[in-house]
C-alpha atoms as a PDB file:
ATOM      1  CA  UNK A   1      24.154  -0.998  17.137  1.00  0.00           C
ATOM      2  CA  UNK A   2      23.842  -4.568  18.112  1.00  0.00           C
ATOM      3  CA  UNK A   3      22.957  -7.692  16.127  1.00  0.00           C
ATOM      4  CA  UNK A   4      19.339  -7.368  17.132  1.00  0.00           C
ATOM      5  CA  UNK A   5      18.919  -4.110  15.409  1.00  0.00           C
ATOM      6  CA  UNK A   6      21.371  -4.573  12.422  1.00  0.00           C
ATOM      7  CA  UNK A   7      19.890  -7.756  11.075  1.00  0.00           C
ATOM      8  CA  UNK A   8      15.963  -6.482  10.968  1.00  0.00           C
ATOM      9  CA  UNK A   9      17.505  -3.237   9.595  1.00  0.00           C
ATOM     10  CA  UNK A  10      19.526  -4.999   6.765  1.00  0.00           C
ATOM     11  CA  UNK A  11      16.767  -7.560   6.000  1.00  0.00           C
ATOM     12  CA  UNK A  12      13.698  -5.004   5.667  1.00  0.00           C
ATOM     13  CA  UNK A  13      15.850  -2.183   4.131  1.00  0.00           C
ATOM     14  CA  UNK A  14      16.981  -4.560   1.306  1.00  0.00           C
ATOM     15  CA  UNK A  15      13.197  -5.935   0.875  1.00  0.00           C
ATOM     16  CA  UNK A  16      12.421  -2.302   0.467  1.00  0.00           C
ATOM     17  CA  UNK A  17      15.200  -1.792  -2.145  1.00  0.00           C
ATOM     18  CA  UNK A  18      13.854  -4.943  -3.926  1.00  0.00           C
ATOM     19  CA  UNK A  19      10.411  -3.313  -4.061  1.00  0.00           C
ATOM     20  CA  UNK A  20      11.942  -0.003  -5.273  1.00  0.00           C
ATOM     21  CA  UNK A  21      13.690  -1.810  -7.979  1.00  0.00           C
ATOM     22  CA  UNK A  22      11.036  -4.149  -9.418  1.00  0.00           C
ATOM     23  CA  UNK A  23       7.651  -2.594  -8.483  1.00  0.00           C
ATOM     24  CA  UNK A  24       9.128   0.901  -8.903  1.00  0.00           C
ATOM     25  CA  UNK A  25      10.192  -0.115 -12.430  1.00  0.00           C
ATOM     26  CA  UNK A  26       6.752  -1.391 -13.160  1.00  0.00           C
ATOM     27  CA  UNK A  27       4.845   1.518 -11.842  1.00  0.00           C
ATOM     28  CA  UNK A  28       6.886   3.841 -13.725  1.00  0.00           C
ATOM     29  CA  UNK A  29       5.753   2.263 -16.991  1.00  0.00           C
ATOM     30  CA  UNK A  30       2.258   3.282 -16.168  1.00  0.00           C
ATOM     31  CA  UNK A  31       1.508   6.817 -17.529  1.00  0.00           C
ATOM     32  CA  UNK A  32      -0.538   8.194 -14.898  1.00  0.00           C
ATOM     33  CA  UNK A  33       2.261   8.690 -12.352  1.00  0.00           C
ATOM     34  CA  UNK A  34       0.887   6.111  -9.680  1.00  0.00           C
ATOM     35  CA  UNK A  35       4.349   5.324  -8.322  1.00  0.00           C
ATOM     36  CA  UNK A  36       4.229   8.529  -5.958  1.00  0.00           C
ATOM     37  CA  UNK A  37       0.997   7.001  -4.311  1.00  0.00           C
ATOM     38  CA  UNK A  38       2.071   3.549  -3.915  1.00  0.00           C
ATOM     39  CA  UNK A  39       5.914   3.435  -3.067  1.00  0.00           C
ATOM     40  CA  UNK A  40       5.854   5.340   0.395  1.00  0.00           C
ATOM     41  CA  UNK A  41       3.319   3.340   1.771  1.00  0.00           C
ATOM     42  CA  UNK A  42       5.146   0.110   0.570  1.00  0.00           C
ATOM     43  CA  UNK A  43       8.131   1.749   2.325  1.00  0.00           C
ATOM     44  CA  UNK A  44       6.373   2.509   5.490  1.00  0.00           C
ATOM     45  CA  UNK A  45       5.404  -1.055   5.766  1.00  0.00           C
ATOM     46  CA  UNK A  46       9.064  -2.274   5.810  1.00  0.00           C
ATOM     47  CA  UNK A  47       9.943   0.450   8.108  1.00  0.00           C
ATOM     48  CA  UNK A  48       7.022  -0.418  10.381  1.00  0.00           C
ATOM     49  CA  UNK A  49       8.154  -4.036  10.404  1.00  0.00           C
ATOM     50  CA  UNK A  50      11.755  -3.019  11.199  1.00  0.00           C
ATOM     51  CA  UNK A  51      10.670  -0.898  14.203  1.00  0.00           C
ATOM     52  CA  UNK A  52       8.116  -3.687  15.486  1.00  0.00           C
ATOM     53  CA  UNK A  53      11.059  -6.233  15.572  1.00  0.00           C
ATOM     54  CA  UNK A  54      13.643  -3.779  17.213  1.00  0.00           C
ATOM     55  CA  UNK A  55      11.395  -1.423  19.068  1.00  0.00           C
ATOM     56  CA  UNK A  56      14.066   1.167  18.361  1.00  0.00           C
ATOM     57  CA  UNK A  57      13.165   4.331  16.403  1.00  0.00           C
ATOM     58  CA  UNK A  58      16.732   4.654  14.952  1.00  0.00           C
ATOM     59  CA  UNK A  59      16.055   1.366  13.194  1.00  0.00           C
ATOM     60  CA  UNK A  60      13.375   3.188  11.046  1.00  0.00           C
ATOM     61  CA  UNK A  61      15.813   5.545   9.553  1.00  0.00           C
ATOM     62  CA  UNK A  62      18.464   2.897   9.113  1.00  0.00           C
ATOM     63  CA  UNK A  63      16.245   0.964   7.274  1.00  0.00           C
ATOM     64  CA  UNK A  64      15.767   3.669   4.797  1.00  0.00           C
ATOM     65  CA  UNK A  65      19.430   4.130   4.497  1.00  0.00           C
ATOM     66  CA  UNK A  66      19.945   0.380   3.581  1.00  0.00           C
ATOM     67  CA  UNK A  67      17.162   0.649   0.817  1.00  0.00           C
ATOM     68  CA  UNK A  68      18.948   3.769  -0.210  1.00  0.00           C
ATOM     69  CA  UNK A  69      22.219   1.960  -0.485  1.00  0.00           C
ATOM     70  CA  UNK A  70      20.576  -0.657  -2.648  1.00  0.00           C
ATOM     71  CA  UNK A  71      19.742   2.147  -5.283  1.00  0.00           C
ATOM     72  CA  UNK A  72      23.172   3.555  -5.028  1.00  0.00           C
ATOM     73  CA  UNK A  73      24.729   0.290  -6.790  1.00  0.00           C
ATOM     74  CA  UNK A  74      23.289   1.692  -9.876  1.00  0.00           C
ATOM     75  CA  UNK A  75      26.229   4.296  -9.965  1.00  0.00           C
ATOM     76  CA  UNK A  76      28.348   1.178 -11.079  1.00  0.00           C
ATOM     77  CA  UNK A  77      26.643   1.754 -14.391  1.00  0.00           C
ATOM     78  CA  UNK A  78      28.300   4.174 -16.361  1.00  0.00           C
ATOM     79  CA  UNK A  79      25.397   5.194 -18.834  1.00  0.00           C
ATOM     80  CA  UNK A  80      22.901   6.073 -15.751  1.00  0.00           C
ATOM     81  CA  UNK A  81      22.583   9.719 -15.187  1.00  0.00           C
ATOM     82  CA  UNK A  82      23.879  10.376 -11.531  1.00  0.00           C
ATOM     83  CA  UNK A  83      20.849  12.650 -10.833  1.00  0.00           C
ATOM     84  CA  UNK A  84      18.452   9.852 -11.445  1.00  0.00           C
ATOM     85  CA  UNK A  85      19.984   7.632  -9.174  1.00  0.00           C
ATOM     86  CA  UNK A  86      20.674  10.291  -6.321  1.00  0.00           C
ATOM     87  CA  UNK A  87      17.096  11.799  -6.497  1.00  0.00           C
ATOM     88  CA  UNK A  88      15.192   8.653  -5.368  1.00  0.00           C
ATOM     89  CA  UNK A  89      18.045   7.809  -2.905  1.00  0.00           C
ATOM     90  CA  UNK A  90      17.236  11.236  -1.334  1.00  0.00           C
ATOM     91  CA  UNK A  91      13.476  10.634  -1.422  1.00  0.00           C
ATOM     92  CA  UNK A  92      13.962   7.408   0.470  1.00  0.00           C
ATOM     93  CA  UNK A  93      16.157   8.907   3.004  1.00  0.00           C
ATOM     94  CA  UNK A  94      13.491  11.904   3.540  1.00  0.00           C
ATOM     95  CA  UNK A  95      10.689   9.244   3.968  1.00  0.00           C
ATOM     96  CA  UNK A  96      12.520   7.191   6.622  1.00  0.00           C
ATOM     97  CA  UNK A  97      13.652  10.526   8.413  1.00  0.00           C
ATOM     98  CA  UNK A  98      10.024  11.688   8.403  1.00  0.00           C
ATOM     99  CA  UNK A  99       8.711   8.423   9.625  1.00  0.00           C
ATOM    100  CA  UNK A 100      11.124   8.283  12.453  1.00  0.00           C
ATOM    101  CA  UNK A 101      10.658  11.811  13.365  1.00  0.00           C
ATOM    102  CA  UNK A 102       6.681  11.131  13.601  1.00  0.00           C
ATOM    103  CA  UNK A 103       7.529   8.216  15.803  1.00  0.00           C
ATOM    104  CA  UNK A 104       9.580  10.039  18.089  1.00  0.00           C
ATOM    105  CA  UNK A 105       7.139  13.303  18.044  1.00  0.00           C
ATOM    106  CA  UNK A 106       3.955  11.157  18.481  1.00  0.00           C
ATOM    107  CA  UNK A 107       4.694   8.595  21.324  1.00  0.00           C
ATOM    108  CA  UNK A 108       1.501   6.643  20.613  1.00  0.00           C
ATOM    109  CA  UNK A 109       3.061   5.683  17.308  1.00  0.00           C
ATOM    110  CA  UNK A 110       5.289   3.425  19.125  1.00  0.00           C
ATOM    111  CA  UNK A 111       2.301   1.391  20.243  1.00  0.00           C
ATOM    112  CA  UNK A 112      -0.410   2.128  17.684  1.00  0.00           C
ATOM    113  CA  UNK A 113      -0.117   3.926  14.395  1.00  0.00           C
ATOM    114  CA  UNK A 114      -2.043   7.199  14.729  1.00  0.00           C
ATOM    115  CA  UNK A 115      -3.419   9.365  12.152  1.00  0.00           C
ATOM    116  CA  UNK A 116      -1.010  12.526  13.162  1.00  0.00           C
ATOM    117  CA  UNK A 117       2.025  10.417  12.700  1.00  0.00           C
ATOM    118  CA  UNK A 118       0.720   9.401   9.374  1.00  0.00           C
ATOM    119  CA  UNK A 119      -0.062  13.018   8.209  1.00  0.00           C
ATOM    120  CA  UNK A 120       3.262  14.313   9.368  1.00  0.00           C
ATOM    121  CA  UNK A 121       5.242  11.690   7.765  1.00  0.00           C
ATOM    122  CA  UNK A 122       3.195  11.686   4.566  1.00  0.00           C
ATOM    123  CA  UNK A 123       3.523  15.214   4.012  1.00  0.00           C
ATOM    124  CA  UNK A 124       6.797  15.903   5.681  1.00  0.00           C
ATOM    125  CA  UNK A 125       9.100  14.132   3.304  1.00  0.00           C
ATOM    126  CA  UNK A 126       7.336  15.612   0.449  1.00  0.00           C
ATOM    127  CA  UNK A 127       8.161  19.016   1.713  1.00  0.00           C
ATOM    128  CA  UNK A 128      11.818  18.131   2.350  1.00  0.00           C
ATOM    129  CA  UNK A 129      12.001  16.660  -1.207  1.00  0.00           C
ATOM    130  CA  UNK A 130      10.519  19.774  -2.602  1.00  0.00           C
ATOM    131  CA  UNK A 131      12.938  21.983  -0.919  1.00  0.00           C
ATOM    132  CA  UNK A 132      15.911  19.936  -2.370  1.00  0.00           C
ATOM    133  CA  UNK A 133      14.373  20.038  -5.804  1.00  0.00           C
ATOM    134  CA  UNK A 134      14.345  23.744  -5.545  1.00  0.00           C
ATOM    135  CA  UNK A 135      17.912  23.896  -4.343  1.00  0.00           C
ATOM    136  CA  UNK A 136      18.964  21.979  -7.336  1.00  0.00           C
ATOM    137  CA  UNK A 137      17.223  24.153  -9.601  1.00  0.00           C
ATOM    138  CA  UNK A 138      19.660  27.024  -8.270  1.00  0.00           C
ATOM    139  CA  UNK A 139      22.430  24.939  -9.787  1.00  0.00           C
ATOM    140  CA  UNK A 140      20.771  24.787 -13.037  1.00  0.00           C
ATOM    141  CA  UNK A 141      19.109  21.002 -12.642  1.00  0.00           C
ATOM    142  CA  UNK A 142      15.685  21.114 -13.863  1.00  0.00           C
ATOM    143  CA  UNK A 143      12.956  19.649 -11.648  1.00  0.00           C
ATOM    144  CA  UNK A 144       9.437  18.899 -13.204  1.00  0.00           C
ATOM    145  CA  UNK A 145       7.774  19.645  -9.702  1.00  0.00           C
ATOM    146  CA  UNK A 146       9.394  23.195  -9.437  1.00  0.00           C
ATOM    147  CA  UNK A 147       9.177  24.009 -13.226  1.00  0.00           C
ATOM    148  CA  UNK A 148       5.567  22.951 -13.180  1.00  0.00           C
ATOM    149  CA  UNK A 149       4.689  25.670 -10.918  1.00  0.00           C
ATOM    150  CA  UNK A 150       2.465  26.004  -7.734  1.00  0.00           C
ATOM    151  CA  UNK A 151      -0.107  23.617  -9.126  1.00  0.00           C
ATOM    152  CA  UNK A 152       2.465  20.879  -9.514  1.00  0.00           C
ATOM    153  CA  UNK A 153       3.862  21.428  -6.222  1.00  0.00           C
ATOM    154  CA  UNK A 154       0.704  21.599  -4.226  1.00  0.00           C
ATOM    155  CA  UNK A 155      -0.440  18.523  -6.317  1.00  0.00           C
ATOM    156  CA  UNK A 156       2.793  16.480  -5.078  1.00  0.00           C
ATOM    157  CA  UNK A 157       2.510  17.568  -1.641  1.00  0.00           C
ATOM    158  CA  UNK A 158      -1.144  17.826  -0.869  1.00  0.00           C
ATOM    159  CA  UNK A 159      -3.030  15.822  -3.351  1.00  0.00           C
ATOM    160  CA  UNK A 160      -0.448  12.839  -3.452  1.00  0.00           C
ATOM    161  CA  UNK A 161       0.187  13.339   0.252  1.00  0.00           C
ATOM    162  CA  UNK A 162      -3.442  13.033   1.158  1.00  0.00           C
ATOM    163  CA  UNK A 163      -3.693   9.708  -1.007  1.00  0.00           C
ATOM    164  CA  UNK A 164      -0.774   8.295   1.005  1.00  0.00           C
ATOM    165  CA  UNK A 165      -2.584   9.335   4.136  1.00  0.00           C
ATOM    166  CA  UNK A 166      -5.734   7.453   3.213  1.00  0.00           C
ATOM    167  CA  UNK A 167      -3.805   4.366   2.172  1.00  0.00           C
ATOM    168  CA  UNK A 168      -1.836   4.401   5.518  1.00  0.00           C
ATOM    169  CA  UNK A 169      -4.931   4.967   7.431  1.00  0.00           C
ATOM    170  CA  UNK A 170      -6.350   1.850   6.062  1.00  0.00           C
ATOM    171  CA  UNK A 171      -2.988   0.177   6.620  1.00  0.00           C
ATOM    172  CA  UNK A 172      -2.976   1.338  10.179  1.00  0.00           C
ATOM    173  CA  UNK A 173      -6.438  -0.213  10.893  1.00  0.00           C
ATOM    174  CA  UNK A 174      -5.172  -3.638  10.227  1.00  0.00           C
ATOM    175  CA  UNK A 175      -1.781  -3.069  11.757  1.00  0.00           C
ATOM    176  CA  UNK A 176      -3.086  -1.980  14.837  1.00  0.00           C
ATOM    177  CA  UNK A 177      -4.764  -5.166  15.134  1.00  0.00           C
ATOM    178  CA  UNK A 178      -1.707  -7.109  14.514  1.00  0.00           C
ATOM    179  CA  UNK A 179      -2.956  -8.805  11.461  1.00  0.00           C
ATOM    180  CA  UNK A 180      -0.371  -7.024   8.794  1.00  0.00           C
ATOM    181  CA  UNK A 181       3.078  -7.705  10.766  1.00  0.00           C
ATOM    182  CA  UNK A 182       3.661 -10.932   8.859  1.00  0.00           C
ATOM    183  CA  UNK A 183       7.137 -10.153   7.833  1.00  0.00           C
ATOM    184  CA  UNK A 184       7.821  -8.921  11.423  1.00  0.00           C
ATOM    185  CA  UNK A 185       7.249 -12.412  12.792  1.00  0.00           C
ATOM    186  CA  UNK A 186       9.727 -14.149  10.462  1.00  0.00           C
ATOM    187  CA  UNK A 187      13.043 -15.595  11.806  1.00  0.00           C
ATOM    188  CA  UNK A 188      15.979 -13.290  10.541  1.00  0.00           C
ATOM    189  CA  UNK A 189      19.577 -14.396  10.788  1.00  0.00           C
ATOM    190  CA  UNK A 190      22.812 -13.212   9.446  1.00  0.00           C
ATOM    191  CA  UNK A 191      22.762 -15.466   6.443  1.00  0.00           C
ATOM    192  CA  UNK A 192      19.086 -14.392   5.318  1.00  0.00           C
ATOM    193  CA  UNK A 193      19.805 -10.737   5.672  1.00  0.00           C
ATOM    194  CA  UNK A 194      22.861 -10.809   3.767  1.00  0.00           C
ATOM    195  CA  UNK A 195      21.468 -12.850   0.989  1.00  0.00           C
ATOM    196  CA  UNK A 196      18.464 -10.448   0.882  1.00  0.00           C
ATOM    197  CA  UNK A 197      20.948  -7.336   0.317  1.00  0.00           C
ATOM    198  CA  UNK A 198      22.858  -9.101  -2.290  1.00  0.00           C
ATOM    199  CA  UNK A 199      19.631  -9.996  -3.944  1.00  0.00           C
ATOM    200  CA  UNK A 200      18.463  -6.504  -3.699  1.00  0.00           C
ATOM    201  CA  UNK A 201      21.643  -5.157  -5.389  1.00  0.00           C
ATOM    202  CA  UNK A 202      21.438  -7.659  -8.127  1.00  0.00           C
ATOM    203  CA  UNK A 203      17.936  -6.906  -8.806  1.00  0.00           C
ATOM    204  CA  UNK A 204      18.529  -3.113  -8.729  1.00  0.00           C
ATOM    205  CA  UNK A 205      21.159  -3.554 -11.422  1.00  0.00           C
ATOM    206  CA  UNK A 206      19.055  -5.770 -13.395  1.00  0.00           C
ATOM    207  CA  UNK A 207      16.157  -3.544 -13.710  1.00  0.00           C
ATOM    208  CA  UNK A 208      18.234  -0.582 -14.552  1.00  0.00           C
ATOM    209  CA  UNK A 209      19.549  -2.580 -17.442  1.00  0.00           C
ATOM    210  CA  UNK A 210      16.087  -3.296 -18.968  1.00  0.00           C
END
């Protein structure tokens, strides 16, 4: 991977990690479980910015890996349950894989965000996440989605997924008119990317300590 791909991936992946740490923490304080509605569209935006900067589909997935790596820093905290760290990391990786695959399958996504790509990525990562949750239950690890039964699983995939579709469709309306790629126009150098990554790791630990 050359510098033109590494720097945007590191920068936007770190921003995604910051959003997961800060905004994710605040959203989890709300008793209505809105984090699932909001965090994927936010992650989608950072993946979108990385792709628009690099024009390389692999950068979408690697952006997710960076965001996941930011979350993994919480493993340095001995009191944090490992499963509570690895589960959101897996979610981020599934999200980035689903979006990258959508860009690959639907060629029009590479120029304009299309509804097919939005639906496939919004529902796809949720299906993968549920499969992981099911596998974990086979090893005695409880999952609220699986233990909640069919209604809980359908709600997670379809209800929350369709809300994501609506949010991303609205986003695509503006993005396709090139009015939302603000961060994608910013100059990114090595110092900024590294500083953003370090900041992301620091904030991730800080919010975990609260």
